[in-house]
Amino acid sequence: QVQLVESGGGLVQAGGSLRLSCAASGSIFGINAMRWYRQAPGKQRELVAADNTGSSLYYADFVKGRFTISRDDAKNTVDLQMNSLKPEDTAVYYCNANVQTATSYGMSYWGKGTLVTVSS
């Protein structure tokens, strides 16, 4: 069984920075795409950034130039460095990954989320 665990959320003032981390564990053969999503109250969950093996990085327009996604395949982790945070960045941030296992070429797994609150 595969598990994703996020960490690094918290309260920060506008203009500040946070670094989120996500660690994947279990019987993992490989990881394809690794992504960060977020969901604010009353809004749909939206893709923030993605790092796909063999593909270019993706950033949503609303975070481009401020956030940086990075993955460490040796550790099966993906981080999201968030700079110049804005109050509208307040949301629960979720880690998502398509994981290769003994029974799947790329099953989707989700973490439980970590709350980021940006005050003005």
PDB file of N, CA and C in Angstrom:
ATOM      1  N   GLN A   1       0.836  -1.179   0.000  1.00  0.00           N
ATOM      2  CA  GLN A   1       0.000   0.000   0.000  1.00  0.00           C
ATOM      3  C   GLN A   1       0.887   1.250   0.000  1.00  0.00           C
ATOM      4  N   VAL A   2       0.457   2.271  -0.727  1.00  0.00           N
ATOM      5  CA  VAL A   2       1.208   3.512  -0.867  1.00  0.00           C
ATOM      6  C   VAL A   2       0.555   4.597  -0.028  1.00  0.00           C
ATOM      7  N   GLN A   3       1.385   5.387   0.637  1.00  0.00           N
ATOM      8  CA  GLN A   3       0.906   6.516   1.415  1.00  0.00           C
ATOM      9  C   GLN A   3       1.669   7.777   1.032  1.00  0.00           C
ATOM     10  N   LEU A   4       0.958   8.903   1.006  1.00  0.00           N
ATOM     11  CA  LEU A   4       1.556  10.215   0.802  1.00  0.00           C
ATOM     12  C   LEU A   4       1.282  11.052   2.045  1.00  0.00           C
ATOM     13  N   VAL A   5       2.317  11.686   2.574  1.00  0.00           N
ATOM     14  CA  VAL A   5       2.178  12.490   3.777  1.00  0.00           C
ATOM     15  C   VAL A   5       2.775  13.863   3.533  1.00  0.00           C
ATOM     16  N   GLU A   6       1.945  14.908   3.683  1.00  0.00           N
ATOM     17  CA  GLU A   6       2.396  16.282   3.519  1.00  0.00           C
ATOM     18  C   GLU A   6       2.825  16.874   4.855  1.00  0.00           C
ATOM     19  N   SER A   7       3.693  17.871   4.788  1.00  0.00           N
ATOM     20  CA  SER A   7       4.113  18.607   5.968  1.00  0.00           C
ATOM     21  C   SER A   7       4.551  20.004   5.548  1.00  0.00           C
ATOM     22  N   GLY A   8       4.648  20.908   6.511  1.00  0.00           N
ATOM     23  CA  GLY A   8       5.177  22.236   6.255  1.00  0.00           C
ATOM     24  C   GLY A   8       4.163  23.355   6.240  1.00  0.00           C
ATOM     25  N   GLY A   9       2.884  23.037   6.328  1.00  0.00           N
ATOM     26  CA  GLY A   9       1.872  24.079   6.347  1.00  0.00           C
ATOM     27  C   GLY A   9       1.904  24.871   7.639  1.00  0.00           C
ATOM     28  N   GLY A  10       1.235  26.020   7.622  1.00  0.00           N
ATOM     29  CA  GLY A  10       1.191  26.860   8.797  1.00  0.00           C
ATOM     30  C   GLY A  10       0.667  28.239   8.483  1.00  0.00           C
ATOM     31  N   LEU A  11       0.878  29.157   9.424  1.00  0.00           N
ATOM     32  CA  LEU A  11       0.437  30.539   9.297  1.00  0.00           C
ATOM     33  C   LEU A  11       1.623  31.422   8.946  1.00  0.00           C
ATOM     34  N   VAL A  12       1.435  32.263   7.940  1.00  0.00           N
ATOM     35  CA  VAL A  12       2.494  33.169   7.504  1.00  0.00           C
ATOM     36  C   VAL A  12       1.875  34.483   7.053  1.00  0.00           C
ATOM     37  N   GLN A  13       2.613  35.569   7.215  1.00  0.00           N
ATOM     38  CA  GLN A  13       2.142  36.871   6.754  1.00  0.00           C
ATOM     39  C   GLN A  13       2.337  37.020   5.254  1.00  0.00           C
ATOM     40  N   ALA A  14       1.522  37.869   4.644  1.00  0.00           N
ATOM     41  CA  ALA A  14       1.662  38.150   3.223  1.00  0.00           C
ATOM     42  C   ALA A  14       3.084  38.592   2.909  1.00  0.00           C
ATOM     43  N   GLY A  15       3.624  38.055   1.827  1.00  0.00           N
ATOM     44  CA  GLY A  15       4.994  38.340   1.446  1.00  0.00           C
ATOM     45  C   GLY A  15       5.995  37.346   1.980  1.00  0.00           C
ATOM     46  N   GLY A  16       5.565  36.497   2.888  1.00  0.00           N
ATOM     47  CA  GLY A  16       6.445  35.510   3.473  1.00  0.00           C
ATOM     48  C   GLY A  16       6.560  34.255   2.637  1.00  0.00           C
ATOM     49  N   SER A  17       7.249  33.264   3.192  1.00  0.00           N
ATOM     50  CA  SER A  17       7.524  32.028   2.473  1.00  0.00           C
ATOM     51  C   SER A  17       7.236  30.809   3.337  1.00  0.00           C
ATOM     52  N   LEU A  18       6.894  29.722   2.671  1.00  0.00           N
ATOM     53  CA  LEU A  18       6.745  28.417   3.288  1.00  0.00           C
ATOM     54  C   LEU A  18       7.255  27.365   2.318  1.00  0.00           C
ATOM     55  N   ARG A  19       7.710  26.252   2.864  1.00  0.00           N
ATOM     56  CA  ARG A  19       8.130  25.137   2.036  1.00  0.00           C
ATOM     57  C   ARG A  19       7.338  23.905   2.451  1.00  0.00           C
ATOM     58  N   LEU A  20       6.545  23.383   1.526  1.00  0.00           N
ATOM     59  CA  LEU A  20       5.776  22.182   1.762  1.00  0.00           C
ATOM     60  C   LEU A  20       6.555  20.971   1.271  1.00  0.00           C
ATOM     61  N   SER A  21       6.404  19.863   1.986  1.00  0.00           N
ATOM     62  CA  SER A  21       7.054  18.625   1.598  1.00  0.00           C
ATOM     63  C   SER A  21       6.036  17.503   1.558  1.00  0.00           C
ATOM     64  N   CYS A  22       6.265  16.554   0.674  1.00  0.00           N
ATOM     65  CA  CYS A  22       5.415  15.380   0.554  1.00  0.00           C
ATOM     66  C   CYS A  22       6.307  14.160   0.397  1.00  0.00           C
ATOM     67  N   ALA A  23       6.087  13.169   1.236  1.00  0.00           N
ATOM     68  CA  ALA A  23       6.869  11.945   1.194  1.00  0.00           C
ATOM     69  C   ALA A  23       5.973  10.767   0.836  1.00  0.00           C
ATOM     70  N   ALA A  24       6.366  10.021  -0.168  1.00  0.00           N
ATOM     71  CA  ALA A  24       5.653   8.818  -0.570  1.00  0.00           C
ATOM     72  C   ALA A  24       6.360   7.594  -0.008  1.00  0.00           C
ATOM     73  N   SER A  25       5.588   6.661   0.503  1.00  0.00           N
ATOM     74  CA  SER A  25       6.162   5.449   1.064  1.00  0.00           C
ATOM     75  C   SER A  25       5.305   4.249   0.695  1.00  0.00           C
ATOM     76  N   GLY A  26       5.888   3.069   0.800  1.00  0.00           N
ATOM     77  CA  GLY A  26       5.196   1.838   0.469  1.00  0.00           C
ATOM     78  C   GLY A  26       5.936   1.053  -0.589  1.00  0.00           C
ATOM     79  N   SER A  27       5.237   0.104  -1.182  1.00  0.00           N
ATOM     80  CA  SER A  27       5.828  -0.745  -2.217  1.00  0.00           C
ATOM     81  C   SER A  27       5.772  -0.033  -3.558  1.00  0.00           C
ATOM     82  N   ILE A  28       6.737   0.846  -3.790  1.00  0.00           N
ATOM     83  CA  ILE A  28       6.764   1.714  -4.963  1.00  0.00           C
ATOM     84  C   ILE A  28       7.795   1.224  -5.963  1.00  0.00           C
ATOM     85  N   PHE A  29       7.341   0.975  -7.177  1.00  0.00           N
ATOM     86  CA  PHE A  29       8.242   0.631  -8.268  1.00  0.00           C
ATOM     87  C   PHE A  29       8.785   1.885  -8.946  1.00  0.00           C
ATOM     88  N   GLY A  30       7.978   2.911  -8.996  1.00  0.00           N
ATOM     89  CA  GLY A  30       8.357   4.167  -9.603  1.00  0.00           C
ATOM     90  C   GLY A  30       7.222   5.159  -9.476  1.00  0.00           C
ATOM     91  N   ILE A  31       7.532   6.419  -9.681  1.00  0.00           N
ATOM     92  CA  ILE A  31       6.540   7.478  -9.605  1.00  0.00           C
ATOM     93  C   ILE A  31       6.577   8.283 -10.890  1.00  0.00           C
ATOM     94  N   ASN A  32       5.414   8.423 -11.497  1.00  0.00           N
ATOM     95  CA  ASN A  32       5.313   9.215 -12.713  1.00  0.00           C
ATOM     96  C   ASN A  32       5.128  10.682 -12.331  1.00  0.00           C
ATOM     97  N   ALA A  33       3.947  11.214 -12.518  1.00  0.00           N
ATOM     98  CA  ALA A  33       3.704  12.607 -12.171  1.00  0.00           C
ATOM     99  C   ALA A  33       3.588  12.792 -10.666  1.00  0.00           C
ATOM    100  N   MET A  34       4.151  13.881 -10.165  1.00  0.00           N
ATOM    101  CA  MET A  34       3.955  14.314  -8.797  1.00  0.00           C
ATOM    102  C   MET A  34       3.409  15.729  -8.861  1.00  0.00           C
ATOM    103  N   ARG A  35       2.361  16.003  -8.094  1.00  0.00           N
ATOM    104  CA  ARG A  35       1.628  17.254  -8.226  1.00  0.00           C
ATOM    105  C   ARG A  35       1.260  17.827  -6.868  1.00  0.00           C
ATOM    106  N   TRP A  36       1.069  19.131  -6.850  1.00  0.00           N
ATOM    107  CA  TRP A  36       0.479  19.822  -5.724  1.00  0.00           C
ATOM    108  C   TRP A  36      -0.827  20.457  -6.168  1.00  0.00           C
ATOM    109  N   TYR A  37      -1.885  20.194  -5.434  1.00  0.00           N
ATOM    110  CA  TYR A  37      -3.183  20.824  -5.610  1.00  0.00           C
ATOM    111  C   TYR A  37      -3.483  21.668  -4.384  1.00  0.00           C
ATOM    112  N   ARG A  38      -4.481  22.533  -4.516  1.00  0.00           N
ATOM    113  CA  ARG A  38      -4.956  23.266  -3.354  1.00  0.00           C
ATOM    114  C   ARG A  38      -6.460  23.474  -3.468  1.00  0.00           C
ATOM    115  N   GLN A  39      -7.096  23.647  -2.332  1.00  0.00           N
ATOM    116  CA  GLN A  39      -8.526  23.887  -2.299  1.00  0.00           C
ATOM    117  C   GLN A  39      -8.840  24.899  -1.208  1.00  0.00           C
ATOM    118  N   ALA A  40      -9.370  26.033  -1.624  1.00  0.00           N
ATOM    119  CA  ALA A  40      -9.790  27.073  -0.702  1.00  0.00           C
ATOM    120  C   ALA A  40     -11.262  26.876  -0.369  1.00  0.00           C
ATOM    121  N   PRO A  41     -11.714  27.409   0.769  1.00  0.00           N
ATOM    122  CA  PRO A  41     -13.125  27.270   1.141  1.00  0.00           C
ATOM    123  C   PRO A  41     -14.056  27.791   0.054  1.00  0.00           C
ATOM    124  N   GLY A  42     -15.044  26.987  -0.311  1.00  0.00           N
ATOM    125  CA  GLY A  42     -16.019  27.383  -1.306  1.00  0.00           C
ATOM    126  C   GLY A  42     -15.548  27.309  -2.743  1.00  0.00           C
ATOM    127  N   LYS A  43     -14.351  26.804  -2.977  1.00  0.00           N
ATOM    128  CA  LYS A  43     -13.810  26.727  -4.324  1.00  0.00           C
ATOM    129  C   LYS A  43     -13.455  25.289  -4.687  1.00  0.00           C
ATOM    130  N   GLN A  44     -13.323  25.042  -5.981  1.00  0.00           N
ATOM    131  CA  GLN A  44     -12.920  23.730  -6.465  1.00  0.00           C
ATOM    132  C   GLN A  44     -11.431  23.510  -6.229  1.00  0.00           C
ATOM    133  N   ARG A  45     -11.063  22.245  -6.104  1.00  0.00           N
ATOM    134  CA  ARG A  45      -9.658  21.914  -6.000  1.00  0.00           C
ATOM    135  C   ARG A  45      -8.973  22.235  -7.331  1.00  0.00           C
ATOM    136  N   GLU A  46      -7.815  22.863  -7.262  1.00  0.00           N
ATOM    137  CA  GLU A  46      -7.121  23.288  -8.461  1.00  0.00           C
ATOM    138  C   GLU A  46      -5.663  22.843  -8.438  1.00  0.00           C
ATOM    139  N   LEU A  47      -5.148  22.579  -9.622  1.00  0.00           N
ATOM    140  CA  LEU A  47      -3.760  22.174  -9.767  1.00  0.00           C
ATOM    141  C   LEU A  47      -2.857  23.383  -9.606  1.00  0.00           C
ATOM    142  N   VAL A  48      -1.844  23.253  -8.755  1.00  0.00           N
ATOM    143  CA  VAL A  48      -0.900  24.326  -8.489  1.00  0.00           C
ATOM    144  C   VAL A  48       0.377  24.144  -9.305  1.00  0.00           C
ATOM    145  N   ALA A  49       0.962  22.960  -9.232  1.00  0.00           N
ATOM    146  CA  ALA A  49       2.216  22.684  -9.922  1.00  0.00           C
ATOM    147  C   ALA A  49       2.367  21.193 -10.115  1.00  0.00           C
ATOM    148  N   ALA A  50       3.143  20.805 -11.121  1.00  0.00           N
ATOM    149  CA  ALA A  50       3.359  19.395 -11.406  1.00  0.00           C
ATOM    150  C   ALA A  50       4.767  19.165 -11.927  1.00  0.00           C
ATOM    151  N   ASP A  51       5.290  17.998 -11.622  1.00  0.00           N
ATOM    152  CA  ASP A  51       6.595  17.560 -12.106  1.00  0.00           C
ATOM    153  C   ASP A  51       6.426  16.127 -12.587  1.00  0.00           C
ATOM    154  N   ASN A  52       6.497  15.921 -13.896  1.00  0.00           N
ATOM    155  CA  ASN A  52       6.256  14.623 -14.507  1.00  0.00           C
ATOM    156  C   ASN A  52       7.552  14.087 -15.094  1.00  0.00           C
ATOM    157  N   THR A  53       7.863  12.829 -14.801  1.00  0.00           N
ATOM    158  CA  THR A  53       9.053  12.194 -15.355  1.00  0.00           C
ATOM    159  C   THR A  53       9.025  12.271 -16.875  1.00  0.00           C
ATOM    160  N   GLY A  54      10.085  12.829 -17.445  1.00  0.00           N
ATOM    161  CA  GLY A  54      10.190  12.944 -18.884  1.00  0.00           C
ATOM    162  C   GLY A  54       9.426  14.096 -19.493  1.00  0.00           C
ATOM    163  N   SER A  55       8.837  14.949 -18.654  1.00  0.00           N
ATOM    164  CA  SER A  55       8.048  16.075 -19.125  1.00  0.00           C
ATOM    165  C   SER A  55       8.520  17.353 -18.461  1.00  0.00           C
ATOM    166  N   SER A  56       8.096  18.485 -19.023  1.00  0.00           N
ATOM    167  CA  SER A  56       8.426  19.779 -18.456  1.00  0.00           C
ATOM    168  C   SER A  56       7.590  20.040 -17.209  1.00  0.00           C
ATOM    169  N   LEU A  57       8.058  20.981 -16.402  1.00  0.00           N
ATOM    170  CA  LEU A  57       7.318  21.371 -15.212  1.00  0.00           C
ATOM    171  C   LEU A  57       6.097  22.185 -15.600  1.00  0.00           C
ATOM    172  N   TYR A  58       5.080  22.118 -14.761  1.00  0.00           N
ATOM    173  CA  TYR A  58       3.881  22.909 -14.969  1.00  0.00           C
ATOM    174  C   TYR A  58       3.619  23.759 -13.740  1.00  0.00           C
ATOM    175  N   TYR A  59       3.261  25.024 -13.980  1.00  0.00           N
ATOM    176  CA  TYR A  59       2.838  25.924 -12.925  1.00  0.00           C
ATOM    177  C   TYR A  59       1.567  26.629 -13.350  1.00  0.00           C
ATOM    178  N   ALA A  60       0.620  26.698 -12.452  1.00  0.00           N
ATOM    179  CA  ALA A  60      -0.564  27.501 -12.707  1.00  0.00           C
ATOM    180  C   ALA A  60      -0.169  28.968 -12.807  1.00  0.00           C
ATOM    181  N   ASP A  61      -0.911  29.722 -13.607  1.00  0.00           N
ATOM    182  CA  ASP A  61      -0.573  31.125 -13.819  1.00  0.00           C
ATOM    183  C   ASP A  61      -0.542  31.919 -12.519  1.00  0.00           C
ATOM    184  N   PHE A  62      -1.395  31.557 -11.578  1.00  0.00           N
ATOM    185  CA  PHE A  62      -1.493  32.344 -10.365  1.00  0.00           C
ATOM    186  C   PHE A  62      -0.337  32.121  -9.393  1.00  0.00           C
ATOM    187  N   VAL A  63       0.549  31.151  -9.683  1.00  0.00           N
ATOM    188  CA  VAL A  63       1.720  30.938  -8.832  1.00  0.00           C
ATOM    189  C   VAL A  63       3.032  31.042  -9.597  1.00  0.00           C
ATOM    190  N   LYS A  64       2.969  31.165 -10.904  1.00  0.00           N
ATOM    191  CA  LYS A  64       4.176  31.198 -11.723  1.00  0.00           C
ATOM    192  C   LYS A  64       5.076  32.368 -11.306  1.00  0.00           C
ATOM    193  N   GLY A  65       6.341  32.057 -11.090  1.00  0.00           N
ATOM    194  CA  GLY A  65       7.295  33.059 -10.650  1.00  0.00           C
ATOM    195  C   GLY A  65       7.407  33.175  -9.154  1.00  0.00           C
ATOM    196  N   ARG A  66       6.475  32.574  -8.412  1.00  0.00           N
ATOM    197  CA  ARG A  66       6.494  32.634  -6.957  1.00  0.00           C
ATOM    198  C   ARG A  66       6.744  31.270  -6.320  1.00  0.00           C
ATOM    199  N   PHE A  67       6.211  30.207  -6.931  1.00  0.00           N
ATOM    200  CA  PHE A  67       6.334  28.860  -6.385  1.00  0.00           C
ATOM    201  C   PHE A  67       7.302  28.041  -7.228  1.00  0.00           C
ATOM    202  N   THR A  68       7.963  27.088  -6.589  1.00  0.00           N
ATOM    203  CA  THR A  68       8.873  26.184  -7.276  1.00  0.00           C
ATOM    204  C   THR A  68       8.632  24.761  -6.803  1.00  0.00           C
ATOM    205  N   ILE A  69       8.393  23.850  -7.745  1.00  0.00           N
ATOM    206  CA  ILE A  69       8.217  22.449  -7.414  1.00  0.00           C
ATOM    207  C   ILE A  69       9.525  21.704  -7.681  1.00  0.00           C
ATOM    208  N   SER A  70       9.851  20.757  -6.833  1.00  0.00           N
ATOM    209  CA  SER A  70      11.049  19.954  -7.017  1.00  0.00           C
ATOM    210  C   SER A  70      10.817  18.567  -6.443  1.00  0.00           C
ATOM    211  N   ARG A  71      11.410  17.573  -7.070  1.00  0.00           N
ATOM    212  CA  ARG A  71      11.249  16.200  -6.606  1.00  0.00           C
ATOM    213  C   ARG A  71      12.606  15.539  -6.442  1.00  0.00           C
ATOM    214  N   ASP A  72      12.669  14.608  -5.510  1.00  0.00           N
ATOM    215  CA  ASP A  72      13.858  13.822  -5.254  1.00  0.00           C
ATOM    216  C   ASP A  72      13.462  12.364  -5.434  1.00  0.00           C
ATOM    217  N   ASP A  73      13.807  11.791  -6.572  1.00  0.00           N
ATOM    218  CA  ASP A  73      13.392  10.426  -6.876  1.00  0.00           C
ATOM    219  C   ASP A  73      14.050   9.396  -5.957  1.00  0.00           C
ATOM    220  N   ALA A  74      15.235   9.701  -5.446  1.00  0.00           N
ATOM    221  CA  ALA A  74      15.909   8.781  -4.536  1.00  0.00           C
ATOM    222  C   ALA A  74      15.161   8.666  -3.213  1.00  0.00           C
ATOM    223  N   LYS A  75      14.485   9.734  -2.813  1.00  0.00           N
ATOM    224  CA  LYS A  75      13.757   9.757  -1.553  1.00  0.00           C
ATOM    225  C   LYS A  75      12.247   9.645  -1.737  1.00  0.00           C
ATOM    226  N   ASN A  76      11.788   9.673  -2.979  1.00  0.00           N
ATOM    227  CA  ASN A  76      10.353   9.664  -3.276  1.00  0.00           C
ATOM    228  C   ASN A  76       9.634  10.823  -2.578  1.00  0.00           C
ATOM    229  N   THR A  77      10.200  12.007  -2.729  1.00  0.00           N
ATOM    230  CA  THR A  77       9.608  13.195  -2.140  1.00  0.00           C
ATOM    231  C   THR A  77       9.410  14.268  -3.201  1.00  0.00           C
ATOM    232  N   VAL A  78       8.491  15.164  -2.942  1.00  0.00           N
ATOM    233  CA  VAL A  78       8.275  16.334  -3.775  1.00  0.00           C
ATOM    234  C   VAL A  78       8.009  17.516  -2.857  1.00  0.00           C
ATOM    235  N   ASP A  79       8.663  18.638  -3.142  1.00  0.00           N
ATOM    236  CA  ASP A  79       8.530  19.832  -2.331  1.00  0.00           C
ATOM    237  C   ASP A  79       7.893  20.951  -3.140  1.00  0.00           C
ATOM    238  N   LEU A  80       7.314  21.891  -2.436  1.00  0.00           N
ATOM    239  CA  LEU A  80       6.772  23.095  -3.053  1.00  0.00           C
ATOM    240  C   LEU A  80       7.273  24.290  -2.255  1.00  0.00           C
ATOM    241  N   GLN A  81       8.210  25.027  -2.833  1.00  0.00           N
ATOM    242  CA  GLN A  81       8.716  26.245  -2.221  1.00  0.00           C
ATOM    243  C   GLN A  81       7.803  27.391  -2.613  1.00  0.00           C
ATOM    244  N   MET A  82       7.204  28.043  -1.640  1.00  0.00           N
ATOM    245  CA  MET A  82       6.235  29.098  -1.881  1.00  0.00           C
ATOM    246  C   MET A  82       6.790  30.412  -1.353  1.00  0.00           C
ATOM    247  N   ASN A  83       7.021  31.347  -2.252  1.00  0.00           N
ATOM    248  CA  ASN A  83       7.527  32.665  -1.906  1.00  0.00           C
ATOM    249  C   ASN A  83       6.498  33.734  -2.258  1.00  0.00           C
ATOM    250  N   SER A  84       6.679  34.911  -1.690  1.00  0.00           N
ATOM    251  CA  SER A  84       5.789  36.041  -1.955  1.00  0.00           C
ATOM    252  C   SER A  84       4.330  35.649  -1.801  1.00  0.00           C
ATOM    253  N   LEU A  85       4.028  35.010  -0.704  1.00  0.00           N
ATOM    254  CA  LEU A  85       2.681  34.496  -0.484  1.00  0.00           C
ATOM    255  C   LEU A  85       1.661  35.619  -0.357  1.00  0.00           C
ATOM    256  N   LYS A  86       0.467  35.345  -0.860  1.00  0.00           N
ATOM    257  CA  LYS A  86      -0.640  36.282  -0.838  1.00  0.00           C
ATOM    258  C   LYS A  86      -1.790  35.692  -0.037  1.00  0.00           C
ATOM    259  N   PRO A  87      -2.666  36.538   0.507  1.00  0.00           N
ATOM    260  CA  PRO A  87      -3.816  36.001   1.244  1.00  0.00           C
ATOM    261  C   PRO A  87      -4.647  35.024   0.421  1.00  0.00           C
ATOM    262  N   GLU A  88      -4.753  35.237  -0.881  1.00  0.00           N
ATOM    263  CA  GLU A  88      -5.524  34.345  -1.731  1.00  0.00           C
ATOM    264  C   GLU A  88      -4.868  32.980  -1.924  1.00  0.00           C
ATOM    265  N   ASP A  89      -3.643  32.811  -1.438  1.00  0.00           N
ATOM    266  CA  ASP A  89      -2.996  31.502  -1.450  1.00  0.00           C
ATOM    267  C   ASP A  89      -3.482  30.616  -0.311  1.00  0.00           C
ATOM    268  N   THR A  90      -4.251  31.177   0.597  1.00  0.00           N
ATOM    269  CA  THR A  90      -4.775  30.413   1.723  1.00  0.00           C
ATOM    270  C   THR A  90      -5.629  29.255   1.226  1.00  0.00           C
ATOM    271  N   ALA A  91      -5.280  28.044   1.635  1.00  0.00           N
ATOM    272  CA  ALA A  91      -5.978  26.853   1.171  1.00  0.00           C
ATOM    273  C   ALA A  91      -5.381  25.634   1.855  1.00  0.00           C
ATOM    274  N   VAL A  92      -6.062  24.513   1.703  1.00  0.00           N
ATOM    275  CA  VAL A  92      -5.476  23.233   2.049  1.00  0.00           C
ATOM    276  C   VAL A  92      -4.723  22.730   0.828  1.00  0.00           C
ATOM    277  N   TYR A  93      -3.469  22.412   1.010  1.00  0.00           N
ATOM    278  CA  TYR A  93      -2.630  21.953  -0.088  1.00  0.00           C
ATOM    279  C   TYR A  93      -2.480  20.441  -0.021  1.00  0.00           C
ATOM    280  N   TYR A  94      -2.715  19.784  -1.164  1.00  0.00           N
ATOM    281  CA  TYR A  94      -2.695  18.340  -1.252  1.00  0.00           C
ATOM    282  C   TYR A  94      -1.597  17.857  -2.187  1.00  0.00           C
ATOM    283  N   CYS A  95      -0.932  16.813  -1.785  1.00  0.00           N
ATOM    284  CA  CYS A  95       0.038  16.132  -2.627  1.00  0.00           C
ATOM    285  C   CYS A  95      -0.660  15.017  -3.390  1.00  0.00           C
ATOM    286  N   ASN A  96      -0.335  14.874  -4.654  1.00  0.00           N
ATOM    287  CA  ASN A  96      -0.909  13.828  -5.499  1.00  0.00           C
ATOM    288  C   ASN A  96       0.194  13.220  -6.356  1.00  0.00           C
ATOM    289  N   ALA A  97       0.135  11.906  -6.549  1.00  0.00           N
ATOM    290  CA  ALA A  97       1.143  11.239  -7.361  1.00  0.00           C
ATOM    291  C   ALA A  97       0.556  10.040  -8.072  1.00  0.00           C
ATOM    292  N   ASN A  98       1.030   9.797  -9.289  1.00  0.00           N
ATOM    293  CA  ASN A  98       0.725   8.576 -10.013  1.00  0.00           C
ATOM    294  C   ASN A  98       1.879   7.616  -9.782  1.00  0.00           C
ATOM    295  N   VAL A  99       1.583   6.513  -9.111  1.00  0.00           N
ATOM    296  CA  VAL A  99       2.608   5.620  -8.589  1.00  0.00           C
ATOM    297  C   VAL A  99       2.558   4.270  -9.288  1.00  0.00           C
ATOM    298  N   GLN A 100       3.712   3.777  -9.707  1.00  0.00           N
ATOM    299  CA  GLN A 100       3.843   2.442 -10.256  1.00  0.00           C
ATOM    300  C   GLN A 100       4.022   1.457  -9.112  1.00  0.00           C
ATOM    301  N   THR A 101       3.182   0.421  -9.093  1.00  0.00           N
ATOM    302  CA  THR A 101       3.266  -0.633  -8.093  1.00  0.00           C
ATOM    303  C   THR A 101       3.257  -1.982  -8.791  1.00  0.00           C
ATOM    304  N   ALA A 102       3.215  -3.045  -8.013  1.00  0.00           N
ATOM    305  CA  ALA A 102       3.187  -4.388  -8.574  1.00  0.00           C
ATOM    306  C   ALA A 102       1.919  -4.651  -9.372  1.00  0.00           C
ATOM    307  N   THR A 103       0.865  -3.897  -9.099  1.00  0.00           N
ATOM    308  CA  THR A 103      -0.424  -4.140  -9.733  1.00  0.00           C
ATOM    309  C   THR A 103      -0.934  -2.981 -10.573  1.00  0.00           C
ATOM    310  N   SER A 104      -0.158  -1.915 -10.719  1.00  0.00           N
ATOM    311  CA  SER A 104      -0.622  -0.750 -11.454  1.00  0.00           C
ATOM    312  C   SER A 104       0.535  -0.047 -12.141  1.00  0.00           C
ATOM    313  N   TYR A 105       0.276   0.479 -13.327  1.00  0.00           N
ATOM    314  CA  TYR A 105       1.280   1.255 -14.050  1.00  0.00           C
ATOM    315  C   TYR A 105       1.297   2.716 -13.614  1.00  0.00           C
ATOM    316  N   GLY A 106       0.255   3.148 -12.912  1.00  0.00           N
ATOM    317  CA  GLY A 106       0.209   4.536 -12.478  1.00  0.00           C
ATOM    318  C   GLY A 106      -1.071   4.897 -11.752  1.00  0.00           C
ATOM    319  N   MET A 107      -1.286   4.290 -10.606  1.00  0.00           N
ATOM    320  CA  MET A 107      -2.470   4.580  -9.810  1.00  0.00           C
ATOM    321  C   MET A 107      -2.305   5.906  -9.069  1.00  0.00           C
ATOM    322  N   SER A 108      -3.379   6.655  -8.991  1.00  0.00           N
ATOM    323  CA  SER A 108      -3.354   7.950  -8.335  1.00  0.00           C
ATOM    324  C   SER A 108      -3.531   7.816  -6.821  1.00  0.00           C
ATOM    325  N   TYR A 109      -2.660   8.501  -6.064  1.00  0.00           N
ATOM    326  CA  TYR A 109      -2.736   8.536  -4.615  1.00  0.00           C
ATOM    327  C   TYR A 109      -2.760   9.979  -4.148  1.00  0.00           C
ATOM    328  N   TRP A 110      -3.431  10.197  -3.024  1.00  0.00           N
ATOM    329  CA  TRP A 110      -3.565  11.532  -2.440  1.00  0.00           C
ATOM    330  C   TRP A 110      -3.117  11.539  -0.991  1.00  0.00           C
ATOM    331  N   GLY A 111      -2.493  12.637  -0.589  1.00  0.00           N
ATOM    332  CA  GLY A 111      -2.243  12.871   0.816  1.00  0.00           C
ATOM    333  C   GLY A 111      -3.470  13.463   1.474  1.00  0.00           C
ATOM    334  N   LYS A 112      -3.420  13.632   2.780  1.00  0.00           N
ATOM    335  CA  LYS A 112      -4.552  14.168   3.527  1.00  0.00           C
ATOM    336  C   LYS A 112      -4.610  15.684   3.510  1.00  0.00           C
ATOM    337  N   GLY A 113      -3.548  16.336   3.101  1.00  0.00           N
ATOM    338  CA  GLY A 113      -3.523  17.780   2.983  1.00  0.00           C
ATOM    339  C   GLY A 113      -2.852  18.467   4.162  1.00  0.00           C
ATOM    340  N   THR A 114      -2.360  19.670   3.911  1.00  0.00           N
ATOM    341  CA  THR A 114      -1.784  20.513   4.948  1.00  0.00           C
ATOM    342  C   THR A 114      -2.280  21.940   4.739  1.00  0.00           C
ATOM    343  N   LEU A 115      -2.683  22.590   5.818  1.00  0.00           N
ATOM    344  CA  LEU A 115      -3.310  23.905   5.731  1.00  0.00           C
ATOM    345  C   LEU A 115      -2.265  25.012   5.683  1.00  0.00           C
ATOM    346  N   VAL A 116      -2.427  25.898   4.707  1.00  0.00           N
ATOM    347  CA  VAL A 116      -1.611  27.102   4.582  1.00  0.00           C
ATOM    348  C   VAL A 116      -2.517  28.306   4.753  1.00  0.00           C
ATOM    349  N   THR A 117      -2.203  29.155   5.715  1.00  0.00           N
ATOM    350  CA  THR A 117      -2.978  30.360   5.963  1.00  0.00           C
ATOM    351  C   THR A 117      -2.069  31.576   5.836  1.00  0.00           C
ATOM    352  N   VAL A 118      -2.437  32.483   4.945  1.00  0.00           N
ATOM    353  CA  VAL A 118      -1.649  33.695   4.702  1.00  0.00           C
ATOM    354  C   VAL A 118      -2.455  34.887   5.187  1.00  0.00           C
ATOM    355  N   SER A 119      -1.939  35.592   6.157  1.00  0.00           N
ATOM    356  CA  SER A 119      -2.623  36.739   6.727  1.00  0.00           C
ATOM    357  C   SER A 119      -2.191  38.020   6.032  1.00  0.00           C
ATOM    358  N   SER A 120      -3.079  39.016   6.038  1.00  0.00           N
ATOM    359  CA  SER A 120      -2.792  40.308   5.425  1.00  0.00           C
ATOM    360  C   SER A 120      -2.429  41.354   6.464  1.00  0.00           C
TER     361      SER A 120
END
